[in-house]
Amino acid sequence: MGLGRSWRRLTWALMAALCLSVGCAANEARKEAATPVTGHSVAGPTERHLANIRQLTFGRQNAEAYFSFDGTKLIFQSTNDWTKGAAVADKPAEAGVGCYQMYVMDIETGHVRMVSTGKGATTCGYFYPGDRRVIYASTHEAGPACPPKPKRGGTYRWALDDYDLYAVDLDGGDFKRLTTTPGYDAEATLSPDGKTIVWTSVRDGDLDLYTMNLDGTGVRRLTDDVGYDGGAFFSPDSTRIVYRASHPTEPEERAHYRDLLAQGLVEPNQLEIFVMNADGSGKKQVTSNRASNFAPFFHPDGRRIIFSSNVETRNEKGRPSFHLYLVNDDGTGLERVTTEGRFNSFPMFSPDGKRLVWVSDRNAKEPGEFNVFLADWIP
């Protein structure tokens, strides 16, 4: 994913949005923000699948917005401090934080509330069935301050900070820690049938996918290939999982990967999309383009996958752009979905399949700004 200063800034924001921390300043209180005013945007001339686009956040970095089971709410991470005044069109929130905290938004009213502790860094929130409880990853047990930013050494590196998974009611009650092993536990999502959590963990010495019950019991390892496996989501019928992966094959590449892993770092320069059965069997590679393919999510038909990629610009000098694409689960039928902006990612279809939420830098007022967008999906 050298490059000029502007692209380095954009890339750092991208890496922050990829389920990894960027440092944090603590908020002590859990408060509710006033109702923001959403903006409206017109789809690009070739964005035929998108209509009635609404911009839901404004300013700084807002990422990984995912629907509640009933489709009326979003959980998202933000460096806007929504407790100090809501963001409205053309005006970001009155204050920001150094790294992501976790928030829930009512889509219709725009009402926002913090659901994280305000300490440490958070990432990758998701709803439990019933929409009164959420899961997210946080570093606050390791300390109230933000984790330090990694030294990137002239390449793209993610810090594998000491995240654990937590579940909490929307009002802050019944706070429960679900993972306790040292190191990285994050990127958790739930199956549509509301029975299973899938997430990425380093607990067995590599970055692999695991599933467990909603209360943290019944842990099962799904992947064991050397390399990074993550960003997993279930199919609409909960029988399959789509994920992103980087599996070094050459001895030198594997040695480099393990050396970085020992330092709590990973360099995912190339990520491909994979699918497998929910029990870890039947693994199949979907993309083979040697680009940075990530944030996959199943189309409502259960046969196609929407994902973000720099496949068309990966060899260009300057600022590669990331856009959303559709592809069949056998790797055929690639179709570009977005054309506006230079960064579009983290797509998710609403439970009824009628809307798409994603993150984009379209309409950004500052470098490194990313916002949440919602659109009607046109088949």
Protein backbone atom coordinates (compact mmCIF):
# COMPACT_ATOMS: atom_id res chain seq x y z
CA MET A 1 0.00 0.00 0.00
CA GLY A 2 9.05 6.34 -1.90
CA LEU A 3 5.67 8.02 -1.67
CA GLY A 4 5.05 11.69 -1.21
CA ARG A 5 4.14 13.36 2.06
CA SER A 6 0.46 13.64 1.21
CA TRP A 7 0.20 9.91 0.50
CA ARG A 8 2.07 9.06 3.68
CA ARG A 9 -0.54 11.03 5.61
CA LEU A 10 -3.34 9.29 3.73
CA THR A 11 -1.74 5.89 4.25
CA TRP A 12 -1.36 6.47 7.98
CA ALA A 13 -5.07 7.25 8.21
CA LEU A 14 -5.77 4.10 6.20
CA MET A 15 -3.66 1.98 8.53
CA ALA A 16 -5.43 3.51 11.51
CA ALA A 17 -8.74 2.49 10.04
CA LEU A 18 -7.58 -1.10 9.48
CA CYS A 19 -8.48 -2.26 12.98
CA LEU A 20 -5.26 -0.95 14.50
CA SER A 21 -4.53 1.84 16.96
CA VAL A 22 -3.12 5.30 16.26
CA GLY A 23 -2.61 6.50 19.85
CA CYS A 24 -5.25 7.99 22.15
CA ALA A 25 -6.19 10.70 24.63
CA ALA A 26 -8.59 9.57 27.34
CA ASN A 27 -12.16 10.73 27.88
CA GLU A 28 -13.23 10.15 31.45
CA ALA A 29 -17.01 10.30 31.16
CA ARG A 30 -19.57 8.42 29.09
CA LYS A 31 -21.88 11.13 27.67
CA GLU A 32 -24.37 11.57 24.86
CA ALA A 33 -23.98 13.98 21.99
CA ALA A 34 -26.56 16.29 20.49
CA THR A 35 -28.25 15.32 17.24
CA PRO A 36 -25.96 15.98 14.25
CA VAL A 37 -27.21 17.23 10.91
CA THR A 38 -26.36 14.81 8.14
CA GLY A 39 -25.22 15.94 4.72
CA HIS A 40 -26.21 14.60 1.33
CA SER A 41 -23.99 13.65 -1.59
CA VAL A 42 -24.65 12.66 -5.17
CA ALA A 43 -23.29 9.38 -6.47
CA GLY A 44 -20.65 9.57 -9.15
CA PRO A 45 -21.83 9.13 -12.75
CA THR A 46 -20.68 5.49 -12.81
CA GLU A 47 -21.67 4.57 -9.24
CA ARG A 48 -24.81 2.88 -10.48
CA HIS A 49 -25.35 0.78 -7.35
CA LEU A 50 -25.52 3.82 -5.02
CA ALA A 51 -28.38 6.28 -4.55
CA ASN A 52 -29.47 8.86 -1.96
CA ILE A 53 -26.02 9.04 -0.36
CA ARG A 54 -25.95 10.54 3.15
CA GLN A 55 -22.80 11.68 4.94
CA LEU A 56 -23.22 10.78 8.61
CA THR A 57 -19.98 12.10 10.15
CA PHE A 58 -17.86 15.19 9.53
CA GLY A 59 -14.19 15.74 10.24
CA ARG A 60 -11.19 13.82 11.55
CA GLN A 61 -11.26 10.01 11.27
CA ASN A 62 -14.44 7.96 11.44
CA ALA A 63 -14.22 4.31 10.48
CA GLU A 64 -15.67 0.80 10.53
CA ALA A 65 -19.37 1.60 10.84
CA TYR A 66 -21.45 -1.57 11.17
CA PHE A 67 -25.23 -2.04 11.32
CA SER A 68 -27.23 -3.26 14.27
CA PHE A 69 -29.26 -6.43 13.75
CA ASP A 70 -32.43 -4.38 13.15
CA GLY A 71 -30.65 -1.97 10.81
CA THR A 72 -31.55 1.20 12.78
CA LYS A 73 -28.17 1.88 14.43
CA LEU A 74 -24.47 1.92 13.60
CA ILE A 75 -21.50 1.24 15.83
CA PHE A 76 -18.37 3.06 14.64
CA GLN A 77 -14.98 4.24 15.83
CA SER A 78 -14.03 7.88 15.74
CA THR A 79 -11.33 10.37 16.70
CA ASN A 80 -14.07 12.99 17.05
CA ASP A 81 -14.93 13.49 20.70
CA TRP A 82 -18.69 13.27 20.32
CA THR A 83 -19.13 13.87 24.07
CA LYS A 84 -18.00 17.47 23.59
CA GLY A 85 -20.55 18.41 20.94
CA ALA A 86 -21.78 16.69 17.82
CA ALA A 87 -20.32 17.01 14.36
CA VAL A 88 -22.59 18.70 11.84
CA ALA A 89 -22.32 19.41 8.15
CA ASP A 90 -19.15 21.40 7.35
CA LYS A 91 -18.18 21.49 11.03
CA PRO A 92 -16.42 18.71 12.95
CA ALA A 93 -17.09 18.04 16.60
CA GLU A 94 -15.70 20.64 19.00
CA ALA A 95 -12.91 18.36 20.18
CA GLY A 96 -10.95 15.38 19.00
CA VAL A 97 -9.12 12.50 20.62
CA GLY A 98 -5.76 11.01 19.77
CA CYS A 99 -7.08 7.59 18.80
CA TYR A 100 -10.34 5.79 18.26
CA GLN A 101 -13.14 5.55 20.81
CA MET A 102 -16.31 3.58 20.13
CA TYR A 103 -19.71 5.18 19.49
CA VAL A 104 -23.24 4.12 18.57
CA MET A 105 -25.39 6.28 16.27
CA ASP A 106 -29.14 6.14 15.72
CA ILE A 107 -29.34 6.43 11.94
CA GLU A 108 -32.67 8.21 11.79
CA THR A 109 -32.02 10.86 14.44
CA GLY A 110 -28.23 11.02 14.32
CA HIS A 111 -28.10 10.67 18.10
CA VAL A 112 -24.64 9.45 19.22
CA ARG A 113 -23.43 7.92 22.47
CA MET A 114 -20.04 6.64 23.59
CA VAL A 115 -19.96 2.94 24.48
CA SER A 116 -16.24 2.53 25.23
CA THR A 117 -14.44 3.50 28.43
CA GLY A 118 -12.72 6.56 26.98
CA LYS A 119 -9.33 5.09 27.88
CA GLY A 120 -6.75 3.37 25.71
CA ALA A 121 -7.47 2.72 22.04
CA THR A 122 -10.49 0.87 20.67
CA THR A 123 -11.30 -0.77 17.36
CA CYS A 124 -13.75 -3.04 15.55
CA GLY A 125 -17.14 -2.72 17.25
CA TYR A 126 -20.13 -4.96 16.51
CA PHE A 127 -23.67 -5.48 17.83
CA TYR A 128 -24.99 -8.45 19.75
CA PRO A 129 -28.43 -9.88 18.88
CA GLY A 130 -31.15 -7.64 20.31
CA ASP A 131 -29.04 -4.51 19.71
CA ARG A 132 -28.77 -3.65 23.41
CA ARG A 133 -25.21 -4.92 23.73
CA VAL A 134 -21.97 -4.49 21.73
CA ILE A 135 -18.51 -6.04 21.46
CA TYR A 136 -15.30 -4.17 20.69
CA ALA A 137 -11.54 -4.41 21.17
CA SER A 138 -9.69 -2.12 23.57
CA THR A 139 -6.22 -1.61 25.02
CA HIS A 140 -7.41 0.11 28.23
CA GLU A 141 -6.41 -2.82 30.46
CA ALA A 142 -2.81 -2.32 29.29
CA GLY A 143 -2.95 1.36 30.24
CA PRO A 144 -5.15 4.45 29.93
CA ALA A 145 -2.90 6.20 27.41
CA CYS A 146 -2.69 5.51 23.71
CA PRO A 147 -0.29 2.84 22.49
CA PRO A 148 2.82 4.31 20.84
CA LYS A 149 2.88 4.57 17.08
CA PRO A 150 5.07 1.95 15.41
CA LYS A 151 8.32 2.74 13.64
CA ARG A 152 7.51 1.93 10.06
CA GLY A 153 11.07 1.69 8.73
CA GLY A 154 10.13 3.05 5.32
CA THR A 155 7.38 0.49 4.76
CA TYR A 156 3.80 -0.14 5.88
CA ARG A 157 3.57 -1.67 9.33
CA TRP A 158 0.73 -2.22 11.75
CA ALA A 159 1.31 -2.38 15.48
CA LEU A 160 -0.23 -5.43 17.11
CA ASP A 161 -1.15 -3.66 20.31
CA ASP A 162 -2.39 -5.48 23.39
CA TYR A 163 -6.09 -5.49 22.53
CA ASP A 164 -8.66 -7.64 24.27
CA LEU A 165 -12.34 -8.11 23.47
CA TYR A 166 -15.05 -6.65 25.70
CA ALA A 167 -18.84 -6.79 25.72
CA VAL A 168 -21.01 -4.07 27.26
CA ASP A 169 -24.61 -2.86 27.30
CA LEU A 170 -25.31 0.38 25.45
CA ASP A 171 -25.83 2.13 28.78
CA GLY A 172 -22.45 0.92 30.06
CA GLY A 173 -23.82 -1.87 32.22
CA ASP A 174 -22.70 -5.51 32.47
CA PHE A 175 -19.16 -4.78 31.23
CA LYS A 176 -17.40 -8.09 30.54
CA ARG A 177 -13.93 -9.01 29.32
CA LEU A 178 -14.08 -11.90 26.84
CA THR A 179 -10.36 -12.55 26.12
CA THR A 180 -7.44 -12.59 28.54
CA THR A 181 -4.50 -14.01 26.58
CA PRO A 182 -1.48 -11.73 26.04
CA GLY A 183 -1.20 -9.77 22.81
CA TYR A 184 -3.57 -8.97 19.99
CA ASP A 185 -7.25 -10.00 20.16
CA ALA A 186 -9.40 -7.85 17.87
CA GLU A 187 -11.41 -7.65 14.63
CA ALA A 188 -14.47 -9.36 16.13
CA THR A 189 -17.77 -9.75 14.27
CA LEU A 190 -20.88 -11.87 14.89
CA SER A 191 -22.76 -14.33 12.72
CA PRO A 192 -26.16 -13.16 11.42
CA ASP A 193 -27.83 -15.97 13.35
CA GLY A 194 -26.46 -14.36 16.51
CA LYS A 195 -24.68 -17.45 17.81
CA THR A 196 -20.96 -17.07 17.07
CA ILE A 197 -18.12 -14.54 17.33
CA VAL A 198 -15.21 -14.68 14.88
CA TRP A 199 -12.04 -12.71 15.56
CA THR A 200 -8.25 -12.52 15.02
CA SER A 201 -5.82 -13.51 17.77
CA VAL A 202 -2.09 -14.05 18.26
CA ARG A 203 -2.67 -16.42 21.19
CA ASP A 204 -1.04 -19.42 19.49
CA GLY A 205 1.94 -17.53 18.11
CA ASP A 206 0.51 -16.47 14.76
CA LEU A 207 -2.27 -14.17 13.52
CA ASP A 208 -5.13 -16.57 13.02
CA LEU A 209 -8.92 -16.64 13.00
CA TYR A 210 -10.91 -18.10 15.88
CA THR A 211 -14.56 -18.48 16.78
CA MET A 212 -16.24 -18.61 20.18
CA ASN A 213 -19.65 -18.47 21.79
CA LEU A 214 -21.18 -15.10 22.70
CA ASP A 215 -20.01 -15.40 26.30
CA GLY A 216 -16.39 -16.12 25.36
CA THR A 217 -16.53 -19.89 25.85
CA GLY A 218 -15.94 -22.62 23.28
CA VAL A 219 -12.88 -21.13 21.54
CA ARG A 220 -12.05 -22.86 18.25
CA ARG A 221 -9.10 -22.14 15.92
CA LEU A 222 -10.03 -21.90 12.23
CA THR A 223 -6.78 -21.05 10.39
CA ASP A 224 -3.20 -22.25 10.76
CA ASP A 225 -1.36 -21.00 7.65
CA VAL A 226 1.73 -18.94 8.44
CA GLY A 227 0.82 -15.27 8.10
CA TYR A 228 -1.98 -12.88 8.86
CA ASP A 229 -5.65 -13.91 8.71
CA GLY A 230 -8.25 -11.32 9.71
CA GLY A 231 -11.11 -9.00 8.93
CA ALA A 232 -13.61 -11.87 8.94
CA PHE A 233 -17.38 -11.69 8.35
CA PHE A 234 -20.02 -14.40 8.10
CA SER A 235 -22.23 -15.04 5.08
CA PRO A 236 -25.93 -14.09 5.38
CA ASP A 237 -26.84 -17.68 6.27
CA SER A 238 -23.96 -17.91 8.80
CA THR A 239 -22.49 -21.00 7.11
CA ARG A 240 -19.39 -19.40 5.57
CA ILE A 241 -16.75 -16.81 6.43
CA VAL A 242 -14.97 -14.31 4.18
CA TYR A 243 -11.66 -12.84 5.30
CA ARG A 244 -8.43 -11.17 4.19
CA ALA A 245 -5.05 -12.89 4.44
CA SER A 246 -1.36 -12.56 3.72
CA HIS A 247 0.59 -15.85 3.67
CA PRO A 248 4.32 -15.55 2.98
CA THR A 249 5.63 -18.61 1.14
CA GLU A 250 9.36 -18.04 0.62
CA PRO A 251 11.69 -18.87 3.54
CA GLU A 252 13.05 -15.32 3.64
CA GLU A 253 9.53 -13.87 3.66
CA ARG A 254 8.45 -16.17 6.46
CA ALA A 255 11.52 -15.33 8.53
CA HIS A 256 10.85 -11.62 8.08
CA TYR A 257 7.21 -12.07 9.03
CA ARG A 258 8.08 -13.97 12.20
CA ASP A 259 10.75 -11.44 13.17
CA LEU A 260 8.25 -8.60 12.90
CA LEU A 261 5.62 -10.63 14.74
CA ALA A 262 8.02 -11.06 17.64
CA GLN A 263 8.24 -7.25 17.74
CA GLY A 264 4.46 -6.87 17.70
CA LEU A 265 4.39 -5.71 14.09
CA VAL A 266 3.06 -6.92 10.74
CA GLU A 267 3.65 -5.72 7.16
CA PRO A 268 0.61 -6.64 5.07
CA ASN A 269 1.79 -5.20 1.76
CA GLN A 270 -0.41 -7.68 -0.12
CA LEU A 271 -3.72 -9.03 1.09
CA GLU A 272 -5.94 -11.46 -0.78
CA ILE A 273 -9.58 -12.37 -0.11
CA PHE A 274 -10.45 -15.89 1.03
CA VAL A 275 -13.64 -17.77 1.90
CA MET A 276 -14.13 -20.88 4.05
CA ASN A 277 -16.85 -22.78 5.83
CA ALA A 278 -17.79 -21.57 9.31
CA ASP A 279 -15.90 -24.50 10.88
CA GLY A 280 -12.66 -23.59 9.05
CA SER A 281 -12.92 -26.25 6.36
CA GLY A 282 -13.04 -25.69 2.60
CA LYS A 283 -10.68 -22.70 2.38
CA LYS A 284 -10.62 -21.09 -1.07
CA GLN A 285 -8.75 -18.05 -2.38
CA VAL A 286 -11.01 -15.53 -4.15
CA THR A 287 -8.60 -12.83 -5.39
CA SER A 288 -5.13 -13.36 -6.84
CA ASN A 289 -4.14 -9.87 -7.98
CA ARG A 290 -1.25 -9.18 -5.54
CA ALA A 291 -2.92 -5.94 -4.51
CA SER A 292 -4.05 -4.74 -1.09
CA ASN A 293 -7.52 -6.28 -0.88
CA PHE A 294 -9.32 -5.92 2.42
CA ALA A 295 -12.61 -5.24 4.24
CA PRO A 296 -14.56 -8.03 2.51
CA PHE A 297 -18.27 -8.49 3.19
CA PHE A 298 -20.80 -10.86 1.64
CA HIS A 299 -23.41 -9.48 -0.75
CA PRO A 300 -26.99 -10.29 0.41
CA ASP A 301 -27.15 -13.03 -2.24
CA GLY A 302 -24.41 -14.94 -0.38
CA ARG A 303 -22.54 -15.58 -3.63
CA ARG A 304 -20.78 -12.28 -4.23
CA ILE A 305 -18.37 -10.29 -2.07
CA ILE A 306 -17.89 -6.55 -1.79
CA PHE A 307 -14.42 -5.41 -0.76
CA SER A 308 -11.90 -2.56 -0.95
CA SER A 309 -8.81 -2.71 -3.15
CA ASN A 310 -6.09 -0.67 -4.82
CA VAL A 311 -5.98 -3.21 -7.66
CA GLU A 312 -6.18 -0.55 -10.40
CA THR A 313 -3.54 1.77 -8.93
CA ARG A 314 -1.17 -0.50 -6.99
CA ASN A 315 1.67 0.05 -9.48
CA GLU A 316 1.19 3.79 -9.87
CA LYS A 317 3.56 6.31 -8.35
CA GLY A 318 2.13 8.85 -5.93
CA ARG A 319 -1.18 8.09 -4.23
CA PRO A 320 -2.83 4.78 -5.01
CA SER A 321 -6.60 4.96 -4.61
CA PHE A 322 -8.81 2.40 -2.90
CA HIS A 323 -12.30 1.67 -4.18
CA LEU A 324 -15.09 -0.79 -3.56
CA TYR A 325 -15.50 -3.78 -5.86
CA LEU A 326 -17.90 -6.68 -6.25
CA VAL A 327 -16.64 -10.13 -7.15
CA ASN A 328 -18.14 -13.60 -7.32
CA ASP A 329 -16.94 -15.95 -4.60
CA ASP A 330 -15.04 -17.93 -7.25
CA GLY A 331 -13.04 -14.83 -8.23
CA THR A 332 -14.90 -14.07 -11.46
CA GLY A 333 -17.03 -11.08 -12.46
CA LEU A 334 -15.04 -8.24 -10.90
CA GLU A 335 -17.09 -5.01 -10.93
CA ARG A 336 -16.07 -1.61 -9.59
CA VAL A 337 -18.65 0.02 -7.30
CA THR A 338 -17.19 3.42 -6.28
CA THR A 339 -15.41 6.08 -8.31
CA GLU A 340 -15.56 9.19 -6.11
CA GLY A 341 -12.77 10.06 -3.68
CA ARG A 342 -9.46 8.27 -3.29
CA PHE A 343 -10.36 6.01 -0.37
CA ASN A 344 -13.49 3.90 -0.03
CA SER A 345 -13.58 0.95 2.35
CA PHE A 346 -15.29 -0.98 5.18
CA PRO A 347 -18.53 -1.71 3.32
CA MET A 348 -21.45 -3.46 5.01
CA PHE A 349 -24.92 -4.20 3.70
CA SER A 350 -27.87 -3.58 6.00
CA PRO A 351 -29.59 -6.72 7.28
CA ASP A 352 -32.39 -6.27 4.73
CA GLY A 353 -29.88 -5.76 1.92
CA LYS A 354 -31.35 -2.42 0.90
CA ARG A 355 -28.58 -0.08 2.09
CA LEU A 356 -24.81 0.08 2.12
CA VAL A 357 -22.66 1.81 4.74
CA TRP A 358 -18.98 2.48 4.08
CA VAL A 359 -16.12 4.89 4.87
CA SER A 360 -14.74 7.37 2.35
CA ASP A 361 -12.63 10.49 1.98
CA ARG A 362 -15.09 11.99 -0.53
CA ASN A 363 -16.03 15.54 0.48
CA ALA A 364 -13.06 15.64 2.89
CA LYS A 365 -12.00 19.10 4.01
CA GLU A 366 -8.60 18.07 5.40
CA PRO A 367 -5.92 15.47 4.45
CA GLY A 368 -6.45 12.22 6.30
CA GLU A 369 -10.16 12.87 6.94
CA PHE A 370 -12.50 9.90 6.62
CA ASN A 371 -16.25 9.86 7.15
CA VAL A 372 -19.13 7.42 7.28
CA PHE A 373 -21.55 7.33 4.34
CA LEU A 374 -24.88 5.59 3.89
CA ALA A 375 -26.61 4.91 0.56
CA ASP A 376 -29.54 3.01 -0.88
CA TRP A 377 -28.28 -0.05 -2.74
CA ILE A 378 -29.44 -0.39 -6.34
CA PRO A 379 -29.18 -4.01 -7.56
